[in-house]
Amino acid sequence: MSKRIGVFLGAPLLACPLVLGPAAFAAWSASPQAPLPAAQCFVEPKPGDATKSIVTGEGFKKGTKVTVDQTDGPGGVLVTVGDDGKFTAADQPNGKYTASGGGLSANCLSGQAAQDAVNKNAIDAARRAGAKEGFTIGKELAEAGNCDAEPKPKPVPQGLVPDPAAQKEAKEAHDAAFEAAFNTAIKRYCTD
């Protein structure tokens, strides 16, 4: 692209702050990022014992004590959050639970609501990973002078257990974010 055409095409972008105002322009130009999940809690049936549940949580501060309270019965327990921000309270009576500790709290989800949250977490994590990987690889290739490189995403790592539809959506989100970030890095670091 010639410098003259590049300047002409860039003119509308330069005018955006004047038309939209600085706050609107900042919001418009910011790259979208999926928010990190807040503290979450899940109740799952205990395999082999229909009277018990397993309560798990994530997103809590490591090393803190979390109170897991049964809101519809007498059950409850105090657990310590691991280094990964997760906790497990096994062998709890079936019921509804909340978890609180370290300034964070969550209503524990069960059934389809829990599955939906796990699916969303997997998709958001894949999108964040794809954007980070794509930009890093694109930048490295651009700085090495390979400005005609094409994006080739890595497989999506799966830490959670989303359903098959969410796994597919997570892979698509990862690949789309990877390609967009890769192309952004190539454009930013390759100059005419």
Protein backbone atom coordinates (compact mmCIF):
# COMPACT_ATOMS: atom_id res chain seq x y z
CA MET A 1 0.00 0.00 0.00
CA SER A 2 1.40 3.38 -0.87
CA LYS A 3 2.02 5.94 1.87
CA ARG A 4 -0.52 8.30 0.26
CA ILE A 5 -3.31 5.69 0.38
CA GLY A 6 -2.33 4.71 3.94
CA VAL A 7 -2.61 8.32 5.09
CA PHE A 8 -5.96 8.71 3.32
CA LEU A 9 -7.35 5.49 4.85
CA GLY A 10 -6.09 6.47 8.29
CA ALA A 11 -7.85 9.87 8.23
CA PRO A 12 -11.21 8.52 9.50
CA LEU A 13 -9.43 6.81 12.40
CA LEU A 14 -7.70 10.04 13.34
CA ALA A 15 -11.06 11.84 13.30
CA CYS A 16 -12.72 9.27 15.61
CA PRO A 17 -11.53 10.90 18.87
CA LEU A 18 -12.92 14.23 17.69
CA VAL A 19 -16.30 12.83 16.70
CA LEU A 20 -16.77 10.27 19.49
CA GLY A 21 -14.98 12.01 22.32
CA PRO A 22 -12.00 10.61 24.23
CA ALA A 23 -13.91 8.22 26.51
CA ALA A 24 -15.96 6.73 23.68
CA PHE A 25 -12.87 6.40 21.49
CA ALA A 26 -10.95 4.63 24.26
CA ALA A 27 -13.80 2.15 24.71
CA TRP A 28 -14.16 1.69 20.95
CA SER A 29 -10.46 1.10 20.33
CA ALA A 30 -9.80 -1.20 23.30
CA SER A 31 -9.33 -4.82 22.34
CA PRO A 32 -12.09 -7.02 23.75
CA GLN A 33 -11.00 -9.24 26.62
CA ALA A 34 -13.12 -11.86 28.30
CA PRO A 35 -13.27 -11.14 32.01
CA LEU A 36 -11.63 -13.56 34.37
CA PRO A 37 -14.17 -15.66 36.26
CA ALA A 38 -15.06 -14.58 39.81
CA ALA A 39 -15.28 -17.01 42.67
CA GLN A 40 -17.53 -19.92 41.71
CA CYS A 41 -18.94 -22.91 43.52
CA PHE A 42 -20.49 -26.14 42.22
CA VAL A 43 -22.50 -28.98 43.79
CA GLU A 44 -22.24 -32.39 42.10
CA PRO A 45 -23.78 -35.72 43.12
CA LYS A 46 -21.28 -38.07 44.74
CA PRO A 47 -20.80 -41.10 42.50
CA GLY A 48 -22.16 -44.23 44.18
CA ASP A 49 -23.97 -42.43 47.02
CA ALA A 50 -27.29 -40.77 46.16
CA THR A 51 -27.49 -39.10 49.59
CA LYS A 52 -24.20 -37.17 49.32
CA SER A 53 -22.77 -34.35 47.22
CA ILE A 54 -19.33 -32.99 46.44
CA VAL A 55 -19.01 -29.21 46.73
CA THR A 56 -16.14 -27.63 44.79
CA GLY A 57 -15.09 -24.02 44.34
CA GLU A 58 -12.62 -22.00 42.31
CA GLY A 59 -11.44 -18.43 42.04
CA PHE A 60 -10.88 -18.03 45.79
CA LYS A 61 -7.70 -16.64 47.34
CA LYS A 62 -5.15 -19.37 48.02
CA GLY A 63 -4.67 -20.42 51.61
CA THR A 64 -7.88 -18.77 52.88
CA LYS A 65 -10.53 -20.55 54.89
CA VAL A 66 -13.86 -20.87 53.09
CA THR A 67 -17.11 -21.62 54.84
CA VAL A 68 -19.31 -23.95 52.80
CA ASP A 69 -22.85 -23.60 54.21
CA GLN A 70 -25.89 -25.63 53.31
CA THR A 71 -28.72 -23.12 52.86
CA ASP A 72 -31.53 -25.68 52.98
CA GLY A 73 -30.31 -27.88 55.83
CA PRO A 74 -27.85 -28.32 58.68
CA GLY A 75 -24.80 -29.27 56.57
CA GLY A 76 -21.67 -27.20 56.29
CA VAL A 77 -17.92 -27.29 56.63
CA LEU A 78 -14.81 -25.10 56.77
CA VAL A 79 -12.22 -25.83 54.04
CA THR A 80 -8.83 -24.37 53.06
CA VAL A 81 -8.28 -23.10 49.51
CA GLY A 82 -5.34 -24.66 47.67
CA ASP A 83 -2.58 -22.85 45.77
CA ASP A 84 -4.68 -23.12 42.60
CA GLY A 85 -7.57 -21.14 44.17
CA LYS A 86 -9.77 -24.24 44.40
CA PHE A 87 -11.35 -26.21 47.22
CA THR A 88 -13.29 -29.46 47.61
CA ALA A 89 -15.74 -30.43 50.34
CA ALA A 90 -16.56 -34.12 49.82
CA ASP A 91 -19.33 -36.17 51.44
CA GLN A 92 -21.73 -33.27 52.08
CA PRO A 93 -25.47 -33.87 52.49
CA ASN A 94 -27.46 -33.18 49.32
CA GLY A 95 -28.77 -29.64 49.18
CA LYS A 96 -28.12 -26.05 48.21
CA TYR A 97 -24.85 -24.40 49.27
CA THR A 98 -23.00 -21.10 49.46
CA ALA A 99 -19.28 -20.59 49.87
CA SER A 100 -17.63 -17.55 51.44
CA GLY A 101 -14.17 -16.61 52.61
CA GLY A 102 -11.32 -14.22 51.95
CA GLY A 103 -13.75 -11.45 50.99
CA LEU A 104 -15.33 -13.57 48.24
CA SER A 105 -18.60 -15.45 48.13
CA ALA A 106 -20.60 -17.53 45.69
CA ASN A 107 -23.91 -19.31 45.49
CA CYS A 108 -23.07 -22.88 44.53
CA LEU A 109 -24.54 -23.96 41.20
CA SER A 110 -25.81 -27.43 40.41
CA GLY A 111 -27.34 -29.27 37.47
CA GLN A 112 -27.58 -27.43 34.15
CA ALA A 113 -26.56 -24.07 35.68
CA ALA A 114 -23.26 -25.66 36.80
CA GLN A 115 -22.69 -27.21 33.36
CA ASP A 116 -23.40 -23.85 31.68
CA ALA A 117 -20.87 -22.11 33.95
CA VAL A 118 -18.21 -24.77 33.26
CA ASN A 119 -18.86 -24.41 29.53
CA LYS A 120 -18.55 -20.61 29.67
CA ASN A 121 -15.33 -20.84 31.72
CA ALA A 122 -13.79 -23.17 29.12
CA ILE A 123 -14.79 -20.91 26.21
CA ASP A 124 -13.52 -17.75 27.93
CA ALA A 125 -10.23 -19.44 28.90
CA ALA A 126 -9.74 -20.66 25.33
CA ARG A 127 -10.42 -17.16 23.96
CA ARG A 128 -7.87 -15.60 26.37
CA ALA A 129 -5.28 -18.28 25.56
CA GLY A 130 -5.83 -17.90 21.80
CA ALA A 131 -5.40 -14.12 21.91
CA LYS A 132 -2.23 -14.37 24.01
CA GLU A 133 -0.67 -17.14 21.92
CA GLY A 134 -1.62 -15.53 18.60
CA PHE A 135 -0.15 -12.16 19.48
CA THR A 136 3.06 -13.66 20.91
CA ILE A 137 3.69 -15.88 17.88
CA GLY A 138 2.72 -13.14 15.42
CA LYS A 139 5.07 -10.68 17.11
CA GLU A 140 7.97 -13.16 17.07
CA LEU A 141 7.49 -13.92 13.38
CA ALA A 142 7.08 -10.24 12.47
CA GLU A 143 10.20 -9.22 14.37
CA ALA A 144 12.08 -12.02 12.58
CA GLY A 145 11.01 -10.50 9.25
CA ASN A 146 8.40 -13.12 8.35
CA CYS A 147 5.58 -10.68 7.56
CA ASP A 148 3.80 -13.06 5.17
CA ALA A 149 3.25 -15.68 7.89
CA GLU A 150 -0.17 -17.30 8.25
CA PRO A 151 -1.70 -18.10 11.65
CA LYS A 152 -1.53 -21.74 12.75
CA PRO A 153 -3.18 -22.07 16.18
CA LYS A 154 -2.11 -24.64 18.74
CA PRO A 155 -4.67 -27.13 20.12
CA VAL A 156 -6.87 -25.76 22.90
CA PRO A 157 -5.86 -27.02 26.33
CA GLN A 158 -8.84 -28.28 28.35
CA GLY A 159 -8.65 -27.97 32.13
CA LEU A 160 -12.39 -28.14 32.74
CA VAL A 161 -14.86 -30.70 31.49
CA PRO A 162 -17.24 -28.82 29.17
CA ASP A 163 -19.83 -30.65 27.14
CA PRO A 164 -19.02 -31.47 23.46
CA ALA A 165 -20.84 -28.39 22.10
CA ALA A 166 -18.91 -26.11 24.46
CA GLN A 167 -15.63 -27.85 23.56
CA LYS A 168 -16.32 -27.08 19.92
CA GLU A 169 -17.26 -23.46 20.72
CA ALA A 170 -14.15 -23.10 22.90
CA LYS A 171 -11.94 -24.29 20.04
CA GLU A 172 -13.65 -21.89 17.63
CA ALA A 173 -13.26 -19.00 20.13
CA HIS A 174 -9.59 -19.87 20.65
CA ASP A 175 -8.87 -20.09 16.92
CA ALA A 176 -10.69 -16.82 16.13
CA ALA A 177 -8.93 -14.94 18.94
CA PHE A 178 -5.59 -16.48 17.93
CA GLU A 179 -5.97 -15.41 14.29
CA ALA A 180 -7.11 -11.87 15.16
CA ALA A 181 -4.26 -11.35 17.64
CA PHE A 182 -1.72 -12.92 15.26
CA ASN A 183 -2.77 -10.59 12.45
CA THR A 184 -2.68 -7.59 14.80
CA ALA A 185 0.90 -8.44 15.81
CA ILE A 186 1.99 -8.90 12.19
CA LYS A 187 0.47 -5.54 11.23
CA ARG A 188 1.94 -3.77 14.25
CA TYR A 189 5.49 -5.09 13.88
CA CYS A 190 5.79 -5.24 10.09
CA THR A 191 6.33 -1.91 8.39
CA ASP A 192 6.57 -1.05 4.71
